[in-house]
C-alpha atoms as a PDB file:
ATOM      1  CA  MET A   1      50.952 102.598  34.839  1.00  0.00           C
ATOM      2  CA  ALA A   2      48.265 105.081  33.565  1.00  0.00           C
ATOM      3  CA  LYS A   3      46.007 102.036  32.084  1.00  0.00           C
ATOM      4  CA  ILE A   4      45.859 100.926  35.587  1.00  0.00           C
ATOM      5  CA  GLU A   5      44.819 103.927  37.276  1.00  0.00           C
ATOM      6  CA  GLU A   6      42.379 104.170  34.430  1.00  0.00           C
ATOM      7  CA  ASN A   7      41.042 100.936  35.462  1.00  0.00           C
ATOM      8  CA  VAL A   8      40.319 102.045  39.249  1.00  0.00           C
ATOM      9  CA  ASN A   9      38.693 105.452  38.249  1.00  0.00           C
ATOM     10  CA  ASN A  10      36.039 103.683  35.826  1.00  0.00           C
ATOM     11  CA  LEU A  11      34.820 101.410  38.916  1.00  0.00           C
ATOM     12  CA  ASP A  12      31.299 102.926  38.166  1.00  0.00           C
ATOM     13  CA  LEU A  13      31.049 101.712  34.497  1.00  0.00           C
ATOM     14  CA  PHE A  14      27.858 100.113  34.961  1.00  0.00           C
ATOM     15  CA  PRO A  15      25.515 102.528  37.580  1.00  0.00           C
ATOM     16  CA  ASP A  16      22.295 100.748  35.981  1.00  0.00           C
ATOM     17  CA  MET A  17      23.413  97.317  36.973  1.00  0.00           C
ATOM     18  CA  PRO A  18      21.832  95.906  40.025  1.00  0.00           C
ATOM     19  CA  ILE A  19      23.287  94.372  43.104  1.00  0.00           C
ATOM     20  CA  PRO A  20      23.213  90.946  42.971  1.00  0.00           C
ATOM     21  CA  LYS A  21      21.301  89.100  45.705  1.00  0.00           C
ATOM     22  CA  LYS A  22      22.659  86.213  47.784  1.00  0.00           C
ATOM     23  CA  VAL A  23      22.423  82.583  45.581  1.00  0.00           C
ATOM     24  CA  GLY A  24      20.855  79.477  47.437  1.00  0.00           C
ATOM     25  CA  ARG A  25      17.639  79.292  49.551  1.00  0.00           C
ATOM     26  CA  PRO A  26      17.179  82.241  52.315  1.00  0.00           C
ATOM     27  CA  LYS A  27      17.911  80.658  55.746  1.00  0.00           C
ATOM     28  CA  LYS A  28      14.444  79.831  57.611  1.00  0.00           C
ATOM     29  CA  TYR A  29      15.762  80.026  60.969  1.00  0.00           C
ATOM     30  CA  ALA A  30      18.423  82.117  62.502  1.00  0.00           C
ATOM     31  CA  ASN A  31      20.381  79.130  64.473  1.00  0.00           C
ATOM     32  CA  GLN A  32      20.171  75.780  64.967  1.00  0.00           C
ATOM     33  CA  ALA A  33      18.612  76.158  68.374  1.00  0.00           C
ATOM     34  CA  ASP A  34      15.506  78.030  66.821  1.00  0.00           C
ATOM     35  CA  LYS A  35      15.059  75.334  63.811  1.00  0.00           C
ATOM     36  CA  GLN A  36      14.795  72.822  66.844  1.00  0.00           C
ATOM     37  CA  ARG A  37      12.554  74.166  68.570  1.00  0.00           C
ATOM     38  CA  ALA A  38       9.848  74.937  65.519  1.00  0.00           C
ATOM     39  CA  TYR A  39      10.493  71.304  64.878  1.00  0.00           C
ATOM     40  CA  ARG A  40       9.374  70.328  68.750  1.00  0.00           C
ATOM     41  CA  GLU A  41       6.619  72.355  68.493  1.00  0.00           C
ATOM     42  CA  ARG A  42       5.437  70.874  65.046  1.00  0.00           C
ATOM     43  CA  LEU A  43       5.602  67.556  66.778  1.00  0.00           C
ATOM     44  CA  LYS A  44       3.461  68.910  69.596  1.00  0.00           C
ATOM     45  CA  ALA A  45       1.100  70.294  67.123  1.00  0.00           C
ATOM     46  CA  GLN A  46       0.605  66.722  65.830  1.00  0.00           C
ATOM     47  CA  GLY A  47      -0.033  65.445  69.337  1.00  0.00           C
ATOM     48  CA  LYS A  48       3.649  63.688  69.764  1.00  0.00           C
ATOM     49  CA  LYS A  49       5.537  63.399  72.413  1.00  0.00           C
ATOM     50  CA  GLN A  50       9.227  63.627  72.795  1.00  0.00           C
ATOM     51  CA  ILE A  51      10.302  60.737  75.363  1.00  0.00           C
ATOM     52  CA  SER A  52      13.770  60.479  76.628  1.00  0.00           C
ATOM     53  CA  ARG A  53      14.555  57.723  78.892  1.00  0.00           C
ATOM     54  CA  ILE A  54      17.943  56.076  80.799  1.00  0.00           C
ATOM     55  CA  VAL A  55      18.317  52.802  81.233  1.00  0.00           C
ATOM     56  CA  LYS A  56      20.553  51.221  83.436  1.00  0.00           C
ATOM     57  CA  ASP A  57      23.100  49.047  82.117  1.00  0.00           C
ATOM     58  CA  VAL A  58      22.110  45.530  83.607  1.00  0.00           C
ATOM     59  CA  SER A  59      24.526  43.074  81.988  1.00  0.00           C
ATOM     60  CA  ILE A  60      26.467  40.777  84.122  1.00  0.00           C
ATOM     61  CA  GLU A  61      29.248  40.405  81.815  1.00  0.00           C
ATOM     62  CA  PRO A  62      32.824  42.110  82.530  1.00  0.00           C
ATOM     63  CA  LEU A  63      33.995  44.176  80.074  1.00  0.00           C
ATOM     64  CA  ASN A  64      36.104  42.962  77.176  1.00  0.00           C
ATOM     65  CA  SER A  65      38.355  44.648  74.831  1.00  0.00           C
ATOM     66  CA  ASP A  66      40.770  43.219  72.026  1.00  0.00           C
ATOM     67  CA  LEU A  67      42.613  46.283  72.038  1.00  0.00           C
ATOM     68  CA  ILE A  68      43.463  47.543  75.973  1.00  0.00           C
ATOM     69  CA  ASP A  69      43.903  45.651  79.128  1.00  0.00           C
ATOM     70  CA  LEU A  70      41.042  46.370  80.999  1.00  0.00           C
ATOM     71  CA  THR A  71      41.882  45.020  84.210  1.00  0.00           C
ATOM     72  CA  THR A  72      45.147  47.272  84.750  1.00  0.00           C
ATOM     73  CA  ASP A  73      44.514  49.951  88.162  1.00  0.00           C
ATOM     74  CA  PHE A  74      45.321  53.246  86.090  1.00  0.00           C
ATOM     75  CA  SER A  75      45.791  54.845  89.235  1.00  0.00           C
ATOM     76  CA  THR A  76      49.212  53.430  89.970  1.00  0.00           C
ATOM     77  CA  LEU A  77      50.203  54.726  86.466  1.00  0.00           C
ATOM     78  CA  LEU A  78      49.698  57.727  87.286  1.00  0.00           C
ATOM     79  CA  ASN A  79      51.242  57.835  90.942  1.00  0.00           C
ATOM     80  CA  LYS A  80      54.668  56.653  89.246  1.00  0.00           C
END
């Protein structure tokens, strides 16, 4: 028992030892939103634009599935 108490009391055996630094590369941005914002600004500075476009689905063929029957009216299943 005395040995354990002695070890607890001697936690400051190496007072000259520096506090270790974090391992790895330091973070450049606080969160993902800041990172994405900086990326968009870099693209804008290069003269590029971010374009998003919504395209209408113009397929004429009906939907097919090998897994489920798409012709089932699911509203009738809920009313049972």
